[in-house]
Amino acid sequence: MNAAFGMPLEYPHHTNSYSPNSSILYIRAAKGIESLFINTLDPETVNLFEERLSLVENAFYDNFILENGCISAFIDISNGKAFERPFEDEALSLSFWNNIYFDANVARNNLNCLLDKIHTGPGVLLSSIDPKYRDFLGIRVRKGILTGMLPGYTLAALTENNHPEAEDAFNEMGKYADTSGNFGEYLIYDNRQTLSLIYDANGKQGDYTARFRPWEGGINLYSIIDYLIGLRISPTDNKLRFRPHLPNNWQYLEATNIRFLTHHLDLKLSRNGDRYTIEILCNDENHLSIEIVIDYPRDRKIVFDNHYLITTIEGSFEQDAAIIRLERLNKGSNIIQYRLGEKQ
């Protein structure tokens, strides 16, 4: 971030700045806890909990959202002013934690702003490096340096907001992962190599940036799986949601042994030209309610082979979505078939 903004590389943000990331994490965690446990708490605890959540939420929306819709990278503690530029890692984490925990319009406006300000290529949102840090330490960098978690944050945001470049962001993953499937803490956009900095050649002070950590790999793996099958669960009311994708003209995808409470599900997707089949296999009789979200281009028409309870949602980026509701899964196979035709 500092290299992109032309700031001193070791600027003491820990003492000089407020970070939006702290607010985002707090709100996400608090709302997650609220959805699970709020009905089991005494009224006094509930009031205190909601009071603090409201305080953090209001402070975040009032102070970090810039006029252009972007989320400010930080607030200067000395004067209370929000920095006029966004930083992609923090801003995109809003959608990574799912729009259901945040104002969906804020998340969408934030993504629109990032696409306008730092859209570097298909499926890529990256601040360019400040000229003073180009070729810093003899490393040939002209376009930019990114954190290893940014590919995952980008994919998650584009997926959550039904953007057509989600497939491009999915493909970006393969350009950064090493042969073991790991992602470095820092990555160089120019050549897609991992950047590792150390304090001294003997390694006595430890790495300045780690070669590999579970943080980057975990975020990126989650985003990949979320893009491919789009699983959301609500254990309190026996509801699941799938939002699957078949990228790059894949013909087939199967996710097996998806566990939800005591149930085991398999999800199978297949494509034959413009015809698609979604099959959900369940191991038992149950009372599970399923939603399946199908994203499709706005210039195409979606036609189902059978009658389902369907809601169509108009997206913001030339893509729409059809939501199919199955009120109860049958034991064994549950099949949905549809095709994409030309708009009339």
Protein backbone atom coordinates (compact mmCIF):
# COMPACT_ATOMS: atom_id res chain seq x y z
CA MET A 1 0.00 0.00 0.00
CA ASN A 2 2.72 2.46 0.94
CA ALA A 3 4.63 1.70 -2.27
CA ALA A 4 1.50 2.44 -4.30
CA PHE A 5 0.84 5.71 -2.47
CA GLY A 6 4.47 6.92 -2.52
CA MET A 7 4.63 6.90 1.28
CA PRO A 8 7.61 5.75 3.39
CA LEU A 9 7.62 1.96 3.20
CA GLU A 10 7.62 1.58 6.99
CA TYR A 11 5.19 4.39 7.74
CA PRO A 12 3.81 3.69 11.26
CA HIS A 13 0.16 3.07 10.43
CA HIS A 14 -0.18 1.16 13.70
CA THR A 15 0.12 4.46 15.60
CA ASN A 16 -0.90 7.04 12.99
CA SER A 17 -3.88 5.54 11.16
CA TYR A 18 -7.29 3.98 11.61
CA SER A 19 -7.86 1.03 9.28
CA PRO A 20 -11.19 0.16 7.64
CA ASN A 21 -10.18 -3.49 7.82
CA SER A 22 -10.62 -3.53 11.59
CA SER A 23 -14.19 -2.23 11.25
CA ILE A 24 -14.98 -4.69 8.45
CA LEU A 25 -13.74 -7.65 10.50
CA TYR A 26 -15.64 -6.48 13.59
CA ILE A 27 -18.92 -6.02 11.72
CA ARG A 28 -18.61 -9.38 9.95
CA ALA A 29 -17.83 -11.24 13.17
CA ALA A 30 -20.52 -9.47 15.19
CA LYS A 31 -23.25 -10.10 12.62
CA GLY A 32 -22.22 -13.72 12.30
CA ILE A 33 -22.48 -14.17 16.06
CA GLU A 34 -25.78 -12.28 16.09
CA SER A 35 -27.35 -14.64 13.54
CA LEU A 36 -26.39 -17.70 15.57
CA PHE A 37 -26.75 -16.74 19.22
CA ILE A 38 -28.84 -13.59 19.59
CA ASN A 39 -31.96 -15.56 20.62
CA THR A 40 -30.12 -17.30 23.45
CA LEU A 41 -28.83 -14.16 25.19
CA ASP A 42 -30.49 -12.16 27.95
CA PRO A 43 -32.02 -8.76 26.98
CA GLU A 44 -29.32 -6.71 28.71
CA THR A 45 -26.54 -8.49 26.81
CA VAL A 46 -28.46 -8.17 23.54
CA ASN A 47 -28.88 -4.41 24.03
CA LEU A 48 -25.19 -3.95 24.79
CA PHE A 49 -24.20 -6.10 21.83
CA GLU A 50 -26.45 -4.25 19.37
CA GLU A 51 -25.39 -0.87 20.75
CA ARG A 52 -21.70 -1.61 20.11
CA LEU A 53 -22.36 -3.12 16.70
CA SER A 54 -24.39 -0.05 15.70
CA LEU A 55 -21.60 2.23 16.94
CA VAL A 56 -18.96 0.48 14.81
CA GLU A 57 -21.24 0.22 11.76
CA ASN A 58 -22.19 3.89 11.82
CA ALA A 59 -18.58 4.98 12.32
CA PHE A 60 -17.49 2.85 9.36
CA TYR A 61 -20.15 4.10 6.95
CA ASP A 62 -19.85 7.73 8.10
CA ASN A 63 -16.06 7.99 8.02
CA PHE A 64 -14.55 5.53 5.55
CA ILE A 65 -16.88 5.83 2.54
CA LEU A 66 -15.57 8.44 0.10
CA GLU A 67 -17.82 10.59 -2.09
CA ASN A 68 -16.91 8.51 -5.17
CA GLY A 69 -18.11 5.32 -3.45
CA CYS A 70 -14.68 3.89 -2.70
CA ILE A 71 -13.57 2.92 0.79
CA SER A 72 -10.71 5.06 2.09
CA ALA A 73 -7.45 3.22 2.68
CA PHE A 74 -7.07 4.78 6.14
CA ILE A 75 -7.97 7.71 8.36
CA ASP A 76 -5.23 10.00 9.67
CA ILE A 77 -5.56 9.93 13.47
CA SER A 78 -3.97 13.37 13.83
CA ASN A 79 -6.70 15.21 11.92
CA GLY A 80 -9.48 12.65 11.46
CA LYS A 81 -9.38 12.98 7.67
CA ALA A 82 -9.94 10.02 5.37
CA PHE A 83 -7.19 9.38 2.81
CA GLU A 84 -8.54 10.23 -0.62
CA ARG A 85 -7.59 6.93 -2.27
CA PRO A 86 -8.74 3.33 -1.75
CA PHE A 87 -6.49 0.33 -1.27
CA GLU A 88 -7.76 -2.78 -2.96
CA ASP A 89 -7.08 -5.37 -0.25
CA GLU A 90 -9.13 -3.54 2.36
CA ALA A 91 -11.84 -2.38 -0.03
CA LEU A 92 -12.40 -5.77 -1.67
CA SER A 93 -12.57 -7.58 1.65
CA LEU A 94 -16.02 -6.00 2.05
CA SER A 95 -17.44 -8.37 -0.57
CA PHE A 96 -15.19 -11.25 0.49
CA TRP A 97 -17.12 -11.30 3.77
CA ASN A 98 -20.32 -11.42 1.68
CA ASN A 99 -22.67 -8.55 0.99
CA ILE A 100 -25.26 -10.02 3.38
CA TYR A 101 -23.26 -8.59 6.29
CA PHE A 102 -22.90 -5.13 4.76
CA ASP A 103 -24.99 -2.66 2.83
CA ALA A 104 -25.11 -4.26 -0.63
CA ASN A 105 -25.32 -0.85 -2.33
CA VAL A 106 -22.16 0.29 -0.53
CA ALA A 107 -20.34 -2.88 -1.60
CA ARG A 108 -21.52 -2.48 -5.20
CA ASN A 109 -20.62 1.22 -5.36
CA ASN A 110 -17.23 0.41 -3.89
CA LEU A 111 -16.60 -2.20 -6.60
CA ASN A 112 -17.75 0.23 -9.30
CA CYS A 113 -15.32 2.82 -7.96
CA LEU A 114 -12.43 0.34 -7.93
CA LEU A 115 -13.23 -0.72 -11.48
CA ASP A 116 -13.08 2.94 -12.48
CA LYS A 117 -9.89 3.78 -10.55
CA ILE A 118 -7.62 0.71 -10.61
CA HIS A 119 -8.92 -1.69 -13.26
CA THR A 120 -5.59 -2.97 -14.57
CA GLY A 121 -6.80 -5.79 -16.83
CA PRO A 122 -9.52 -8.43 -17.12
CA GLY A 123 -10.18 -9.71 -13.60
CA VAL A 124 -7.42 -7.52 -12.11
CA LEU A 125 -7.85 -4.63 -9.66
CA LEU A 126 -4.46 -3.26 -8.63
CA SER A 127 -3.01 0.11 -7.65
CA SER A 128 0.04 0.94 -9.76
CA ILE A 129 3.35 1.36 -7.96
CA ASP A 130 4.49 4.93 -7.31
CA PRO A 131 7.29 5.99 -9.73
CA LYS A 132 9.74 6.51 -6.84
CA TYR A 133 9.60 2.78 -6.02
CA ARG A 134 9.96 1.40 -9.52
CA ASP A 135 12.88 -1.04 -9.72
CA PHE A 136 13.32 -0.66 -5.95
CA LEU A 137 16.19 -2.79 -4.56
CA GLY A 138 17.06 -3.80 -8.10
CA ILE A 139 13.77 -5.67 -8.56
CA ARG A 140 12.26 -4.89 -11.93
CA VAL A 141 8.78 -3.69 -11.03
CA ARG A 142 6.97 -1.17 -13.19
CA LYS A 143 3.32 -2.18 -12.97
CA GLY A 144 2.74 -3.13 -9.38
CA ILE A 145 3.17 -5.35 -6.34
CA LEU A 146 0.22 -7.11 -4.78
CA THR A 147 -0.38 -9.13 -1.67
CA GLY A 148 -0.93 -12.86 -2.08
CA MET A 149 -4.51 -12.55 -0.87
CA LEU A 150 -5.57 -9.97 -3.48
CA PRO A 151 -6.37 -12.53 -6.23
CA GLY A 152 -8.80 -14.17 -3.81
CA TYR A 153 -10.36 -10.90 -2.68
CA THR A 154 -10.81 -9.84 -6.31
CA LEU A 155 -12.40 -13.12 -7.35
CA ALA A 156 -14.73 -13.05 -4.33
CA ALA A 157 -15.88 -9.47 -5.02
CA LEU A 158 -16.51 -10.07 -8.72
CA THR A 159 -18.34 -13.32 -7.95
CA GLU A 160 -20.47 -11.83 -5.18
CA ASN A 161 -21.50 -8.92 -7.41
CA ASN A 162 -22.14 -11.11 -10.48
CA HIS A 163 -19.49 -9.43 -12.64
CA PRO A 164 -18.60 -11.08 -15.99
CA GLU A 165 -14.86 -10.76 -15.26
CA ALA A 166 -15.12 -13.24 -12.37
CA GLU A 167 -13.97 -15.93 -14.79
CA ASP A 168 -10.88 -13.85 -15.64
CA ALA A 169 -10.15 -13.43 -11.93
CA PHE A 170 -10.49 -17.20 -11.52
CA ASN A 171 -7.91 -17.70 -14.27
CA GLU A 172 -5.53 -15.21 -12.63
CA MET A 173 -5.14 -17.64 -9.72
CA GLY A 174 -3.16 -20.09 -11.82
CA LYS A 175 -0.66 -17.41 -12.79
CA TYR A 176 0.47 -16.83 -9.19
CA ALA A 177 0.30 -20.24 -7.51
CA ASP A 178 3.61 -22.10 -7.40
CA THR A 179 3.89 -25.79 -8.31
CA SER A 180 2.89 -26.76 -4.76
CA GLY A 181 -0.28 -24.65 -4.97
CA ASN A 182 0.96 -22.02 -2.51
CA PHE A 183 0.78 -18.24 -2.83
CA GLY A 184 3.51 -15.92 -1.58
CA GLU A 185 2.76 -13.07 0.79
CA TYR A 186 3.90 -10.57 -1.87
CA LEU A 187 3.59 -11.04 -5.63
CA ILE A 188 4.94 -9.08 -8.61
CA TYR A 189 2.31 -8.25 -11.21
CA ASP A 190 4.84 -7.64 -13.98
CA ASN A 191 6.02 -11.26 -14.14
CA ARG A 192 3.69 -13.07 -11.68
CA GLN A 193 6.62 -14.05 -9.46
CA THR A 194 6.69 -14.28 -5.66
CA LEU A 195 8.52 -11.48 -3.86
CA SER A 196 10.25 -12.34 -0.58
CA LEU A 197 12.19 -9.71 1.34
CA ILE A 198 14.54 -10.49 4.24
CA TYR A 199 16.24 -8.20 6.73
CA ASP A 200 19.72 -9.74 6.38
CA ALA A 201 21.42 -12.45 4.39
CA ASN A 202 21.90 -14.69 7.43
CA GLY A 203 18.21 -14.65 8.24
CA LYS A 204 18.82 -13.86 11.90
CA GLN A 205 16.02 -11.31 12.04
CA GLY A 206 13.53 -13.37 10.09
CA ASP A 207 11.81 -12.62 6.82
CA TYR A 208 10.29 -9.21 6.24
CA THR A 209 7.67 -10.96 4.13
CA ALA A 210 6.93 -14.66 4.40
CA ARG A 211 7.45 -17.01 1.49
CA PHE A 212 4.25 -18.91 2.20
CA ARG A 213 1.54 -18.53 4.84
CA PRO A 214 -1.85 -20.18 5.30
CA TRP A 215 -3.51 -16.74 5.21
CA GLU A 216 -3.03 -16.14 1.48
CA GLY A 217 -3.65 -19.74 0.45
CA GLY A 218 -6.74 -19.99 2.65
CA ILE A 219 -8.36 -16.85 1.24
CA ASN A 220 -7.58 -17.82 -2.35
CA LEU A 221 -8.75 -21.41 -1.95
CA TYR A 222 -11.98 -20.25 -0.32
CA SER A 223 -12.61 -17.83 -3.21
CA ILE A 224 -11.95 -20.53 -5.82
CA ILE A 225 -14.37 -22.98 -4.19
CA ASP A 226 -16.91 -20.22 -3.63
CA TYR A 227 -16.74 -19.29 -7.32
CA LEU A 228 -17.12 -22.91 -8.47
CA ILE A 229 -19.97 -24.04 -6.17
CA GLY A 230 -21.06 -20.91 -4.25
CA LEU A 231 -22.15 -22.68 -1.08
CA ARG A 232 -23.95 -20.66 1.60
CA ILE A 233 -25.49 -22.31 4.64
CA SER A 234 -28.00 -21.26 7.26
CA PRO A 235 -27.97 -23.99 9.93
CA THR A 236 -30.63 -22.31 12.06
CA ASP A 237 -33.35 -22.86 9.44
CA ASN A 238 -32.03 -25.81 7.38
CA LYS A 239 -31.31 -23.71 4.29
CA LEU A 240 -28.52 -24.05 1.74
CA ARG A 241 -27.66 -22.05 -1.33
CA PHE A 242 -25.52 -22.99 -4.31
CA ARG A 243 -24.28 -20.53 -6.93
CA PRO A 244 -22.18 -22.73 -9.23
CA HIS A 245 -20.12 -21.83 -12.30
CA LEU A 246 -18.51 -23.78 -15.14
CA PRO A 247 -15.62 -21.52 -16.27
CA ASN A 248 -13.62 -21.75 -19.49
CA ASN A 249 -16.25 -23.91 -21.21
CA TRP A 250 -15.73 -26.72 -18.71
CA GLN A 251 -18.07 -29.58 -19.51
CA TYR A 252 -18.33 -31.07 -16.03
CA LEU A 253 -17.80 -30.32 -12.36
CA GLU A 254 -18.55 -32.50 -9.34
CA ALA A 255 -18.32 -31.62 -5.64
CA THR A 256 -18.83 -34.64 -3.42
CA ASN A 257 -19.57 -35.25 0.25
CA ILE A 258 -20.72 -31.72 1.05
CA ARG A 259 -21.67 -31.96 4.70
CA PHE A 260 -24.45 -29.95 6.30
CA LEU A 261 -25.52 -30.88 9.82
CA THR A 262 -26.13 -34.66 9.53
CA HIS A 263 -26.67 -34.59 5.77
CA HIS A 264 -24.29 -35.43 2.93
CA LEU A 265 -24.79 -33.93 -0.53
CA ASP A 266 -23.14 -34.25 -3.93
CA LEU A 267 -23.36 -31.44 -6.49
CA LYS A 268 -22.89 -32.26 -10.18
CA LEU A 269 -22.83 -29.77 -13.04
CA SER A 270 -22.64 -30.60 -16.74
CA ARG A 271 -22.87 -28.72 -20.00
CA ASN A 272 -23.72 -29.84 -23.52
CA GLY A 273 -23.56 -26.83 -25.79
CA ASP A 274 -26.13 -24.37 -24.44
CA ARG A 275 -27.87 -27.02 -22.31
CA TYR A 276 -27.01 -27.36 -18.63
CA THR A 277 -27.82 -29.93 -15.96
CA ILE A 278 -27.53 -29.41 -12.21
CA GLU A 279 -27.92 -32.53 -10.08
CA ILE A 280 -28.02 -32.61 -6.29
CA LEU A 281 -27.77 -36.02 -4.65
CA CYS A 282 -28.87 -36.35 -1.03
CA ASN A 283 -28.17 -39.33 1.23
CA ASP A 284 -31.39 -39.23 3.26
CA GLU A 285 -34.91 -37.96 3.66
CA ASN A 286 -34.71 -34.43 4.99
CA HIS A 287 -36.34 -31.06 5.40
CA LEU A 288 -33.61 -29.11 3.63
CA SER A 289 -34.57 -26.03 1.64
CA ILE A 290 -32.27 -25.31 -1.31
CA GLU A 291 -31.70 -22.21 -3.42
CA ILE A 292 -29.74 -22.48 -6.64
CA VAL A 293 -28.56 -19.22 -8.20
CA ILE A 294 -27.71 -19.28 -11.91
CA ASP A 295 -25.82 -16.32 -13.35
CA TYR A 296 -26.24 -15.69 -17.06
CA PRO A 297 -25.55 -12.89 -19.60
CA ARG A 298 -28.30 -10.32 -19.96
CA ASP A 299 -28.33 -10.74 -23.74
CA ARG A 300 -29.37 -14.40 -23.37
CA LYS A 301 -32.67 -15.98 -22.34
CA ILE A 302 -32.78 -18.74 -19.73
CA VAL A 303 -35.36 -21.50 -20.31
CA PHE A 304 -36.05 -24.30 -17.82
CA ASP A 305 -37.26 -27.79 -18.77
CA ASN A 306 -39.56 -28.04 -15.76
CA HIS A 307 -41.62 -25.70 -13.62
CA TYR A 308 -39.80 -24.33 -10.59
CA LEU A 309 -40.32 -21.52 -8.13
CA ILE A 310 -38.07 -18.95 -9.82
CA THR A 311 -37.10 -15.37 -9.07
CA THR A 312 -35.11 -13.35 -11.62
CA ILE A 313 -32.73 -10.68 -10.37
CA GLU A 314 -31.33 -7.96 -12.61
CA GLY A 315 -27.63 -7.49 -11.95
CA SER A 316 -25.47 -4.39 -12.21
CA PHE A 317 -22.86 -5.59 -14.73
CA GLU A 318 -24.78 -6.84 -17.79
CA GLN A 319 -25.51 -10.14 -16.08
CA ASP A 320 -28.72 -11.34 -14.46
CA ALA A 321 -29.46 -14.23 -12.12
CA ALA A 322 -32.26 -16.76 -11.78
CA ILE A 323 -32.93 -18.10 -8.28
CA ILE A 324 -34.55 -21.55 -8.11
CA ARG A 325 -36.11 -22.64 -4.83
CA LEU A 326 -36.56 -26.29 -3.90
CA GLU A 327 -38.60 -26.38 -0.72
CA ARG A 328 -37.59 -29.94 0.07
CA LEU A 329 -34.91 -32.21 -1.38
CA ASN A 330 -35.80 -35.75 -2.35
CA LYS A 331 -33.62 -38.59 -1.17
CA GLY A 332 -31.38 -39.54 -4.08
CA SER A 333 -31.26 -37.46 -7.25
CA ASN A 334 -32.72 -33.95 -7.72
CA ILE A 335 -32.22 -32.65 -11.25
CA ILE A 336 -32.60 -29.17 -12.77
CA GLN A 337 -32.14 -28.69 -16.51
CA TYR A 338 -32.11 -25.48 -18.49
CA ARG A 339 -30.73 -23.92 -21.65
CA LEU A 340 -29.53 -20.50 -22.71
CA GLY A 341 -31.22 -19.17 -25.81
CA GLU A 342 -31.06 -15.95 -27.74
CA LYS A 343 -33.07 -12.98 -26.50
CA GLN A 344 -36.22 -12.39 -28.50
